Amino acid sequence: MIFTEKATSPGEVIRILGYRFRDYRMRLNFTRKDVSEQTGLSMTTLYKLETGNLKDMSMGTMLKLLRVIGLYENWNQIIPELPESPYLYKDNFTKRQRIRHPKS
């Protein structure tokens, strides 16, 4: 199933990810029971996720699911690391240090 719609709420993102997860699981010939045993999630939770009826999900749960379908290494793409900014360096190319002001 291909989604071209724009997800505008966390619930919509979870719904789309649930459908995608189901497609990955099925292509890998995993049953919900297989996934349940590997993640510790209940089969009811997995059913709700895959049918678009799960309204909220923790990051820990998402990482467990990514591990099962072989995409755990992709977590870094959620918020990619930014390259260092040239504005962090002084004129002599030494990195600026943050200065913390004492609390009054």
PDB file of N, CA and C in Angstrom:
ATOM      1  N   MET A   1       0.847  -1.160   0.000  1.00  0.00           N
ATOM      2  CA  MET A   1       0.000   0.000   0.000  1.00  0.00           C
ATOM      3  C   MET A   1       0.904   1.239   0.000  1.00  0.00           C
ATOM      4  N   ILE A   2       0.697   2.135  -0.935  1.00  0.00           N
ATOM      5  CA  ILE A   2       1.501   3.343  -1.042  1.00  0.00           C
ATOM      6  C   ILE A   2       0.673   4.523  -0.564  1.00  0.00           C
ATOM      7  N   PHE A   3       1.267   5.339   0.299  1.00  0.00           N
ATOM      8  CA  PHE A   3       0.574   6.508   0.831  1.00  0.00           C
ATOM      9  C   PHE A   3       1.202   7.757   0.258  1.00  0.00           C
ATOM     10  N   THR A   4       0.389   8.553  -0.372  1.00  0.00           N
ATOM     11  CA  THR A   4       0.868   9.826  -0.885  1.00  0.00           C
ATOM     12  C   THR A   4       0.290  10.983  -0.089  1.00  0.00           C
ATOM     13  N   GLU A   5      -0.607  10.659   0.850  1.00  0.00           N
ATOM     14  CA  GLU A   5      -1.217  11.710   1.647  1.00  0.00           C
ATOM     15  C   GLU A   5      -0.212  12.271   2.645  1.00  0.00           C
ATOM     16  N   LYS A   6      -0.458  13.502   3.031  1.00  0.00           N
ATOM     17  CA  LYS A   6       0.392  14.148   4.005  1.00  0.00           C
ATOM     18  C   LYS A   6      -0.182  13.907   5.389  1.00  0.00           C
ATOM     19  N   ALA A   7       0.613  13.379   6.271  1.00  0.00           N
ATOM     20  CA  ALA A   7       0.150  13.147   7.634  1.00  0.00           C
ATOM     21  C   ALA A   7       0.236  14.462   8.398  1.00  0.00           C
ATOM     22  N   THR A   8      -0.880  14.849   8.994  1.00  0.00           N
ATOM     23  CA  THR A   8      -0.909  16.136   9.680  1.00  0.00           C
ATOM     24  C   THR A   8      -1.025  16.014  11.190  1.00  0.00           C
ATOM     25  N   SER A   9      -1.209  14.823  11.692  1.00  0.00           N
ATOM     26  CA  SER A   9      -1.304  14.646  13.138  1.00  0.00           C
ATOM     27  C   SER A   9      -0.513  13.402  13.539  1.00  0.00           C
ATOM     28  N   PRO A  10      -0.106  13.333  14.803  1.00  0.00           N
ATOM     29  CA  PRO A  10       0.606  12.129  15.259  1.00  0.00           C
ATOM     30  C   PRO A  10      -0.206  10.854  15.021  1.00  0.00           C
ATOM     31  N   GLY A  11      -1.515  10.917  15.220  1.00  0.00           N
ATOM     32  CA  GLY A  11      -2.357   9.741  14.987  1.00  0.00           C
ATOM     33  C   GLY A  11      -2.305   9.268  13.546  1.00  0.00           C
ATOM     34  N   GLU A  12      -2.274  10.218  12.603  1.00  0.00           N
ATOM     35  CA  GLU A  12      -2.192   9.854  11.185  1.00  0.00           C
ATOM     36  C   GLU A  12      -0.834   9.238  10.858  1.00  0.00           C
ATOM     37  N   VAL A  13       0.224   9.761  11.457  1.00  0.00           N
ATOM     38  CA  VAL A  13       1.563   9.194  11.238  1.00  0.00           C
ATOM     39  C   VAL A  13       1.594   7.760  11.740  1.00  0.00           C
ATOM     40  N   ILE A  14       1.053   7.532  12.936  1.00  0.00           N
ATOM     41  CA  ILE A  14       1.041   6.177  13.497  1.00  0.00           C
ATOM     42  C   ILE A  14       0.203   5.246  12.627  1.00  0.00           C
ATOM     43  N   ARG A  15      -0.908   5.734  12.122  1.00  0.00           N
ATOM     44  CA  ARG A  15      -1.766   4.910  11.248  1.00  0.00           C
ATOM     45  C   ARG A  15      -0.997   4.483   9.999  1.00  0.00           C
ATOM     46  N   ILE A  16      -0.328   5.420   9.352  1.00  0.00           N
ATOM     47  CA  ILE A  16       0.436   5.118   8.131  1.00  0.00           C
ATOM     48  C   ILE A  16       1.588   4.169   8.438  1.00  0.00           C
ATOM     49  N   LEU A  17       2.302   4.425   9.540  1.00  0.00           N
ATOM     50  CA  LEU A  17       3.406   3.535   9.912  1.00  0.00           C
ATOM     51  C   LEU A  17       2.904   2.133  10.226  1.00  0.00           C
ATOM     52  N   GLY A  18       1.733   2.036  10.824  1.00  0.00           N
ATOM     53  CA  GLY A  18       1.145   0.725  11.108  1.00  0.00           C
ATOM     54  C   GLY A  18       0.852  -0.060   9.844  1.00  0.00           C
ATOM     55  N   TYR A  19       0.284   0.621   8.854  1.00  0.00           N
ATOM     56  CA  TYR A  19       0.021  -0.048   7.576  1.00  0.00           C
ATOM     57  C   TYR A  19       1.332  -0.484   6.911  1.00  0.00           C
ATOM     58  N   ARG A  20       2.320   0.389   6.963  1.00  0.00           N
ATOM     59  CA  ARG A  20       3.618   0.038   6.365  1.00  0.00           C
ATOM     60  C   ARG A  20       4.253  -1.127   7.092  1.00  0.00           C
ATOM     61  N   PHE A  21       4.155  -1.115   8.437  1.00  0.00           N
ATOM     62  CA  PHE A  21       4.725  -2.213   9.209  1.00  0.00           C
ATOM     63  C   PHE A  21       4.078  -3.540   8.808  1.00  0.00           C
ATOM     64  N   ARG A  22       2.752  -3.534   8.661  1.00  0.00           N
ATOM     65  CA  ARG A  22       2.034  -4.757   8.249  1.00  0.00           C
ATOM     66  C   ARG A  22       2.574  -5.276   6.918  1.00  0.00           C
ATOM     67  N   ASP A  23       2.794  -4.360   5.968  1.00  0.00           N
ATOM     68  CA  ASP A  23       3.318  -4.775   4.662  1.00  0.00           C
ATOM     69  C   ASP A  23       4.705  -5.403   4.799  1.00  0.00           C
ATOM     70  N   TYR A  24       5.578  -4.781   5.604  1.00  0.00           N
ATOM     71  CA  TYR A  24       6.910  -5.352   5.823  1.00  0.00           C
ATOM     72  C   TYR A  24       6.798  -6.716   6.493  1.00  0.00           C
ATOM     73  N   ARG A  25       5.986  -6.814   7.529  1.00  0.00           N
ATOM     74  CA  ARG A  25       5.840  -8.076   8.265  1.00  0.00           C
ATOM     75  C   ARG A  25       5.382  -9.193   7.342  1.00  0.00           C
ATOM     76  N   MET A  26       4.407  -8.896   6.509  1.00  0.00           N
ATOM     77  CA  MET A  26       3.868  -9.918   5.619  1.00  0.00           C
ATOM     78  C   MET A  26       4.882 -10.326   4.549  1.00  0.00           C
ATOM     79  N   ARG A  27       5.631  -9.372   4.029  1.00  0.00           N
ATOM     80  CA  ARG A  27       6.648  -9.716   3.029  1.00  0.00           C
ATOM     81  C   ARG A  27       7.770 -10.556   3.625  1.00  0.00           C
ATOM     82  N   LEU A  28       8.005 -10.369   4.919  1.00  0.00           N
ATOM     83  CA  LEU A  28       9.025 -11.172   5.595  1.00  0.00           C
ATOM     84  C   LEU A  28       8.479 -12.503   6.105  1.00  0.00           C
ATOM     85  N   ASN A  29       7.199 -12.766   5.820  1.00  0.00           N
ATOM     86  CA  ASN A  29       6.522 -13.990   6.254  1.00  0.00           C
ATOM     87  C   ASN A  29       6.533 -14.161   7.768  1.00  0.00           C
ATOM     88  N   PHE A  30       6.375 -13.051   8.495  1.00  0.00           N
ATOM     89  CA  PHE A  30       6.245 -13.100   9.944  1.00  0.00           C
ATOM     90  C   PHE A  30       4.764 -13.045  10.295  1.00  0.00           C
ATOM     91  N   THR A  31       4.378 -13.811  11.281  1.00  0.00           N
ATOM     92  CA  THR A  31       3.023 -13.702  11.815  1.00  0.00           C
ATOM     93  C   THR A  31       3.036 -12.656  12.932  1.00  0.00           C
ATOM     94  N   ARG A  32       1.856 -12.234  13.322  1.00  0.00           N
ATOM     95  CA  ARG A  32       1.787 -11.317  14.465  1.00  0.00           C
ATOM     96  C   ARG A  32       2.343 -11.996  15.709  1.00  0.00           C
ATOM     97  N   LYS A  33       2.128 -13.307  15.802  1.00  0.00           N
ATOM     98  CA  LYS A  33       2.657 -14.052  16.946  1.00  0.00           C
ATOM     99  C   LYS A  33       4.186 -13.996  16.959  1.00  0.00           C
ATOM    100  N   ASP A  34       4.818 -14.128  15.786  1.00  0.00           N
ATOM    101  CA  ASP A  34       6.277 -14.023  15.696  1.00  0.00           C
ATOM    102  C   ASP A  34       6.748 -12.670  16.221  1.00  0.00           C
ATOM    103  N   VAL A  35       6.085 -11.617  15.762  1.00  0.00           N
ATOM    104  CA  VAL A  35       6.460 -10.258  16.165  1.00  0.00           C
ATOM    105  C   VAL A  35       6.205 -10.063  17.656  1.00  0.00           C
ATOM    106  N   SER A  36       5.093 -10.570  18.139  1.00  0.00           N
ATOM    107  CA  SER A  36       4.758 -10.469  19.556  1.00  0.00           C
ATOM    108  C   SER A  36       5.836 -11.112  20.418  1.00  0.00           C
ATOM    109  N   GLU A  37       6.282 -12.280  20.021  1.00  0.00           N
ATOM    110  CA  GLU A  37       7.311 -12.988  20.787  1.00  0.00           C
ATOM    111  C   GLU A  37       8.651 -12.253  20.749  1.00  0.00           C
ATOM    112  N   GLN A  38       8.973 -11.619  19.627  1.00  0.00           N
ATOM    113  CA  GLN A  38      10.256 -10.929  19.504  1.00  0.00           C
ATOM    114  C   GLN A  38      10.270  -9.571  20.202  1.00  0.00           C
ATOM    115  N   THR A  39       9.102  -8.939  20.317  1.00  0.00           N
ATOM    116  CA  THR A  39       9.052  -7.579  20.863  1.00  0.00           C
ATOM    117  C   THR A  39       8.487  -7.504  22.273  1.00  0.00           C
ATOM    118  N   GLY A  40       7.714  -8.510  22.658  1.00  0.00           N
ATOM    119  CA  GLY A  40       7.035  -8.444  23.943  1.00  0.00           C
ATOM    120  C   GLY A  40       5.732  -7.659  23.885  1.00  0.00           C
ATOM    121  N   LEU A  41       5.324  -7.245  22.694  1.00  0.00           N
ATOM    122  CA  LEU A  41       4.058  -6.538  22.524  1.00  0.00           C
ATOM    123  C   LEU A  41       2.933  -7.548  22.394  1.00  0.00           C
ATOM    124  N   SER A  42       1.757  -7.172  22.852  1.00  0.00           N
ATOM    125  CA  SER A  42       0.628  -8.098  22.741  1.00  0.00           C
ATOM    126  C   SER A  42       0.153  -8.165  21.293  1.00  0.00           C
ATOM    127  N   MET A  43      -0.474  -9.259  20.949  1.00  0.00           N
ATOM    128  CA  MET A  43      -1.008  -9.405  19.594  1.00  0.00           C
ATOM    129  C   MET A  43      -2.145  -8.416  19.369  1.00  0.00           C
ATOM    130  N   THR A  44      -2.866  -8.052  20.425  1.00  0.00           N
ATOM    131  CA  THR A  44      -3.924  -7.037  20.303  1.00  0.00           C
ATOM    132  C   THR A  44      -3.331  -5.690  19.918  1.00  0.00           C
ATOM    133  N   THR A  45      -2.223  -5.313  20.548  1.00  0.00           N
ATOM    134  CA  THR A  45      -1.556  -4.050  20.209  1.00  0.00           C
ATOM    135  C   THR A  45      -1.088  -4.063  18.764  1.00  0.00           C
ATOM    136  N   LEU A  46      -0.504  -5.164  18.330  1.00  0.00           N
ATOM    137  CA  LEU A  46      -0.045  -5.269  16.946  1.00  0.00           C
ATOM    138  C   LEU A  46      -1.217  -5.179  15.974  1.00  0.00           C
ATOM    139  N   TYR A  47      -2.322  -5.826  16.308  1.00  0.00           N
ATOM    140  CA  TYR A  47      -3.515  -5.759  15.463  1.00  0.00           C
ATOM    141  C   TYR A  47      -4.006  -4.317  15.350  1.00  0.00           C
ATOM    142  N   LYS A  48      -4.077  -3.630  16.483  1.00  0.00           N
ATOM    143  CA  LYS A  48      -4.527  -2.231  16.470  1.00  0.00           C
ATOM    144  C   LYS A  48      -3.584  -1.362  15.630  1.00  0.00           C
ATOM    145  N   LEU A  49      -2.289  -1.583  15.759  1.00  0.00           N
ATOM    146  CA  LEU A  49      -1.316  -0.821  14.973  1.00  0.00           C
ATOM    147  C   LEU A  49      -1.530  -1.048  13.485  1.00  0.00           C
ATOM    148  N   GLU A  50      -1.618  -2.306  13.092  1.00  0.00           N
ATOM    149  CA  GLU A  50      -1.695  -2.645  11.668  1.00  0.00           C
ATOM    150  C   GLU A  50      -3.032  -2.303  11.021  1.00  0.00           C
ATOM    151  N   THR A  51      -4.065  -2.111  11.814  1.00  0.00           N
ATOM    152  CA  THR A  51      -5.370  -1.762  11.256  1.00  0.00           C
ATOM    153  C   THR A  51      -5.689  -0.277  11.400  1.00  0.00           C
ATOM    154  N   GLY A  52      -4.731   0.491  11.893  1.00  0.00           N
ATOM    155  CA  GLY A  52      -4.928   1.938  11.999  1.00  0.00           C
ATOM    156  C   GLY A  52      -5.726   2.365  13.203  1.00  0.00           C
ATOM    157  N   ASN A  53      -5.862   1.491  14.190  1.00  0.00           N
ATOM    158  CA  ASN A  53      -6.662   1.804  15.371  1.00  0.00           C
ATOM    159  C   ASN A  53      -5.836   2.108  16.612  1.00  0.00           C
ATOM    160  N   LEU A  54      -4.528   2.181  16.479  1.00  0.00           N
ATOM    161  CA  LEU A  54      -3.676   2.537  17.611  1.00  0.00           C
ATOM    162  C   LEU A  54      -3.482   4.049  17.569  1.00  0.00           C
ATOM    163  N   LYS A  55      -3.792   4.711  18.647  1.00  0.00           N
ATOM    164  CA  LYS A  55      -3.773   6.179  18.657  1.00  0.00           C
ATOM    165  C   LYS A  55      -2.452   6.761  19.135  1.00  0.00           C
ATOM    166  N   ASP A  56      -1.691   6.004  19.908  1.00  0.00           N
ATOM    167  CA  ASP A  56      -0.442   6.511  20.465  1.00  0.00           C
ATOM    168  C   ASP A  56       0.552   5.359  20.570  1.00  0.00           C
ATOM    169  N   MET A  57       1.831   5.693  20.437  1.00  0.00           N
ATOM    170  CA  MET A  57       2.866   4.663  20.500  1.00  0.00           C
ATOM    171  C   MET A  57       4.146   5.293  21.015  1.00  0.00           C
ATOM    172  N   SER A  58       4.852   4.594  21.887  1.00  0.00           N
ATOM    173  CA  SER A  58       6.106   5.113  22.418  1.00  0.00           C
ATOM    174  C   SER A  58       7.238   4.909  21.414  1.00  0.00           C
ATOM    175  N   MET A  59       8.280   5.691  21.589  1.00  0.00           N
ATOM    176  CA  MET A  59       9.461   5.546  20.735  1.00  0.00           C
ATOM    177  C   MET A  59      10.096   4.177  20.964  1.00  0.00           C
ATOM    178  N   GLY A  60      10.065   3.698  22.194  1.00  0.00           N
ATOM    179  CA  GLY A  60      10.614   2.379  22.485  1.00  0.00           C
ATOM    180  C   GLY A  60       9.908   1.274  21.707  1.00  0.00           C
ATOM    181  N   THR A  61       8.588   1.385  21.622  1.00  0.00           N
ATOM    182  CA  THR A  61       7.813   0.412  20.851  1.00  0.00           C
ATOM    183  C   THR A  61       8.188   0.482  19.379  1.00  0.00           C
ATOM    184  N   MET A  62       8.304   1.707  18.863  1.00  0.00           N
ATOM    185  CA  MET A  62       8.669   1.864  17.455  1.00  0.00           C
ATOM    186  C   MET A  62      10.044   1.240  17.183  1.00  0.00           C
ATOM    187  N   LEU A  63      10.988   1.445  18.070  1.00  0.00           N
ATOM    188  CA  LEU A  63      12.327   0.876  17.869  1.00  0.00           C
ATOM    189  C   LEU A  63      12.294  -0.650  17.903  1.00  0.00           C
ATOM    190  N   LYS A  64      11.480  -1.227  18.775  1.00  0.00           N
ATOM    191  CA  LYS A  64      11.339  -2.693  18.800  1.00  0.00           C
ATOM    192  C   LYS A  64      10.804  -3.203  17.467  1.00  0.00           C
ATOM    193  N   LEU A  65       9.810  -2.507  16.938  1.00  0.00           N
ATOM    194  CA  LEU A  65       9.212  -2.926  15.659  1.00  0.00           C
ATOM    195  C   LEU A  65      10.204  -2.770  14.514  1.00  0.00           C
ATOM    196  N   LEU A  66      10.973  -1.688  14.522  1.00  0.00           N
ATOM    197  CA  LEU A  66      11.994  -1.495  13.483  1.00  0.00           C
ATOM    198  C   LEU A  66      13.031  -2.619  13.515  1.00  0.00           C
ATOM    199  N   ARG A  67      13.392  -3.042  14.721  1.00  0.00           N
ATOM    200  CA  ARG A  67      14.389  -4.120  14.849  1.00  0.00           C
ATOM    201  C   ARG A  67      13.868  -5.407  14.213  1.00  0.00           C
ATOM    202  N   VAL A  68      12.596  -5.731  14.427  1.00  0.00           N
ATOM    203  CA  VAL A  68      12.011  -6.974  13.900  1.00  0.00           C
ATOM    204  C   VAL A  68      12.071  -7.002  12.377  1.00  0.00           C
ATOM    205  N   ILE A  69      11.797  -5.877  11.734  1.00  0.00           N
ATOM    206  CA  ILE A  69      11.750  -5.870  10.261  1.00  0.00           C
ATOM    207  C   ILE A  69      13.087  -5.458   9.632  1.00  0.00           C
ATOM    208  N   GLY A  70      14.140  -5.363  10.459  1.00  0.00           N
ATOM    209  CA  GLY A  70      15.474  -5.104   9.926  1.00  0.00           C
ATOM    210  C   GLY A  70      15.748  -3.652   9.581  1.00  0.00           C
ATOM    211  N   LEU A  71      14.992  -2.732  10.169  1.00  0.00           N
ATOM    212  CA  LEU A  71      15.189  -1.318   9.862  1.00  0.00           C
ATOM    213  C   LEU A  71      15.650  -0.513  11.069  1.00  0.00           C
ATOM    214  N   TYR A  72      16.153  -1.182  12.086  1.00  0.00           N
ATOM    215  CA  TYR A  72      16.544  -0.496  13.315  1.00  0.00           C
ATOM    216  C   TYR A  72      17.595   0.586  13.057  1.00  0.00           C
ATOM    217  N   GLU A  73      18.500   0.334  12.137  1.00  0.00           N
ATOM    218  CA  GLU A  73      19.572   1.287  11.863  1.00  0.00           C
ATOM    219  C   GLU A  73      19.028   2.598  11.293  1.00  0.00           C
ATOM    220  N   ASN A  74      17.799   2.609  10.827  1.00  0.00           N
ATOM    221  CA  ASN A  74      17.209   3.808  10.225  1.00  0.00           C
ATOM    222  C   ASN A  74      16.693   4.807  11.255  1.00  0.00           C
ATOM    223  N   TRP A  75      16.790   4.501  12.542  1.00  0.00           N
ATOM    224  CA  TRP A  75      16.302   5.437  13.558  1.00  0.00           C
ATOM    225  C   TRP A  75      16.969   6.798  13.414  1.00  0.00           C
ATOM    226  N   ASN A  76      18.181   6.811  12.952  1.00  0.00           N
ATOM    227  CA  ASN A  76      18.949   8.058  12.837  1.00  0.00           C
ATOM    228  C   ASN A  76      18.360   9.010  11.801  1.00  0.00           C
ATOM    229  N   GLN A  77      17.493   8.526  10.946  1.00  0.00           N
ATOM    230  CA  GLN A  77      16.891   9.388   9.929  1.00  0.00           C
ATOM    231  C   GLN A  77      15.699  10.180  10.458  1.00  0.00           C
ATOM    232  N   ILE A  78      15.234   9.852  11.657  1.00  0.00           N
ATOM    233  CA  ILE A  78      14.092  10.577  12.224  1.00  0.00           C
ATOM    234  C   ILE A  78      14.477  12.036  12.453  1.00  0.00           C
ATOM    235  N   ILE A  79      15.583  12.255  13.129  1.00  0.00           N
ATOM    236  CA  ILE A  79      16.130  13.601  13.299  1.00  0.00           C
ATOM    237  C   ILE A  79      17.625  13.479  13.000  1.00  0.00           C
ATOM    238  N   PRO A  80      18.003  13.676  11.737  1.00  0.00           N
ATOM    239  CA  PRO A  80      19.405  13.503  11.369  1.00  0.00           C
ATOM    240  C   PRO A  80      20.306  14.516  12.062  1.00  0.00           C
ATOM    241  N   GLU A  81      21.525  14.108  12.308  1.00  0.00           N
ATOM    242  CA  GLU A  81      22.504  14.998  12.909  1.00  0.00           C
ATOM    243  C   GLU A  81      22.858  16.091  11.908  1.00  0.00           C
ATOM    244  N   LEU A  82      22.912  17.307  12.389  1.00  0.00           N
ATOM    245  CA  LEU A  82      23.266  18.431  11.523  1.00  0.00           C
ATOM    246  C   LEU A  82      24.779  18.543  11.396  1.00  0.00           C
ATOM    247  N   PRO A  83      25.264  18.989  10.243  1.00  0.00           N
ATOM    248  CA  PRO A  83      26.696  19.251  10.144  1.00  0.00           C
ATOM    249  C   PRO A  83      27.032  20.441  11.037  1.00  0.00           C
ATOM    250  N   GLU A  84      28.281  20.521  11.473  1.00  0.00           N
ATOM    251  CA  GLU A  84      28.668  21.637  12.326  1.00  0.00           C
ATOM    252  C   GLU A  84      28.536  22.938  11.564  1.00  0.00           C
ATOM    253  N   SER A  85      28.079  23.935  12.264  1.00  0.00           N
ATOM    254  CA  SER A  85      27.897  25.251  11.666  1.00  0.00           C
ATOM    255  C   SER A  85      29.205  26.030  11.710  1.00  0.00           C
ATOM    256  N   PRO A  86      29.546  26.732  10.634  1.00  0.00           N
ATOM    257  CA  PRO A  86      30.765  27.546  10.659  1.00  0.00           C
ATOM    258  C   PRO A  86      30.663  28.676  11.682  1.00  0.00           C
ATOM    259  N   TYR A  87      29.459  29.006  12.100  1.00  0.00           N
ATOM    260  CA  TYR A  87      29.285  30.066  13.088  1.00  0.00           C
ATOM    261  C   TYR A  87      29.703  29.638  14.484  1.00  0.00           C
ATOM    262  N   LEU A  88      29.974  28.349  14.682  1.00  0.00           N
ATOM    263  CA  LEU A  88      30.425  27.866  15.979  1.00  0.00           C
ATOM    264  C   LEU A  88      31.918  28.099  16.195  1.00  0.00           C
ATOM    265  N   TYR A  89      32.617  28.564  15.168  1.00  0.00           N
ATOM    266  CA  TYR A  89      34.055  28.719  15.254  1.00  0.00           C
ATOM    267  C   TYR A  89      34.451  30.184  15.287  1.00  0.00           C
ATOM    268  N   LYS A  90      35.489  30.457  16.074  1.00  0.00           N
ATOM    269  CA  LYS A  90      36.049  31.810  16.106  1.00  0.00           C
ATOM    270  C   LYS A  90      36.921  31.991  14.877  1.00  0.00           C
ATOM    271  N   ASP A  91      37.487  33.169  14.733  1.00  0.00           N
ATOM    272  CA  ASP A  91      38.322  33.476  13.570  1.00  0.00           C
ATOM    273  C   ASP A  91      39.524  32.549  13.445  1.00  0.00           C
ATOM    274  N   ASN A  92      40.095  32.105  14.537  1.00  0.00           N
ATOM    275  CA  ASN A  92      41.289  31.247  14.458  1.00  0.00           C
ATOM    276  C   ASN A  92      40.928  29.763  14.418  1.00  0.00           C
ATOM    277  N   PHE A  93      39.689  29.456  14.038  1.00  0.00           N
ATOM    278  CA  PHE A  93      39.206  28.088  13.811  1.00  0.00           C
ATOM    279  C   PHE A  93      39.163  27.226  15.072  1.00  0.00           C
ATOM    280  N   THR A  94      39.080  27.860  16.225  1.00  0.00           N
ATOM    281  CA  THR A  94      38.855  27.079  17.438  1.00  0.00           C
ATOM    282  C   THR A  94      37.372  27.132  17.753  1.00  0.00           C
ATOM    283  N   LYS A  95      36.883  26.042  18.214  1.00  0.00           N
ATOM    284  CA  LYS A  95      35.444  25.943  18.469  1.00  0.00           C
ATOM    285  C   LYS A  95      35.077  26.797  19.676  1.00  0.00           C
ATOM    286  N   ARG A  96      33.995  27.547  19.529  1.00  0.00           N
ATOM    287  CA  ARG A  96      33.505  28.376  20.629  1.00  0.00           C
ATOM    288  C   ARG A  96      32.934  27.485  21.720  1.00  0.00           C
ATOM    289  N   GLN A  97      33.126  27.895  22.928  1.00  0.00           N
ATOM    290  CA  GLN A  97      32.565  27.195  24.068  1.00  0.00           C
ATOM    291  C   GLN A  97      31.328  27.931  24.541  1.00  0.00           C
ATOM    292  N   ARG A  98      30.315  27.185  24.912  1.00  0.00           N
ATOM    293  CA  ARG A  98      29.128  27.813  25.485  1.00  0.00           C
ATOM    294  C   ARG A  98      29.477  28.350  26.846  1.00  0.00           C
ATOM    295  N   ILE A  99      29.016  29.511  27.131  1.00  0.00           N
ATOM    296  CA  ILE A  99      29.257  30.114  28.433  1.00  0.00           C
ATOM    297  C   ILE A  99      27.947  30.091  29.200  1.00  0.00           C
ATOM    298  N   ARG A 100      28.002  29.481  30.357  1.00  0.00           N
ATOM    299  CA  ARG A 100      26.821  29.451  31.201  1.00  0.00           C
ATOM    300  C   ARG A 100      26.910  30.596  32.190  1.00  0.00           C
ATOM    301  N   HIS A 101      25.839  31.333  32.258  1.00  0.00           N
ATOM    302  CA  HIS A 101      25.798  32.439  33.209  1.00  0.00           C
ATOM    303  C   HIS A 101      25.342  31.915  34.556  1.00  0.00           C
ATOM    304  N   PRO A 102      26.018  32.357  35.626  1.00  0.00           N
ATOM    305  CA  PRO A 102      25.613  31.869  36.947  1.00  0.00           C
ATOM    306  C   PRO A 102      24.193  32.311  37.278  1.00  0.00           C
ATOM    307  N   LYS A 103      23.502  31.448  37.975  1.00  0.00           N
ATOM    308  CA  LYS A 103      22.143  31.779  38.396  1.00  0.00           C
ATOM    309  C   LYS A 103      22.219  32.787  39.521  1.00  0.00           C
ATOM    310  N   SER A 104      21.320  33.711  39.501  1.00  0.00           N
ATOM    311  CA  SER A 104      21.308  34.753  40.551  1.00  0.00           C
ATOM    312  C   SER A 104      20.658  34.255  41.802  1.00  0.00           C
TER     313      SER A 104
END
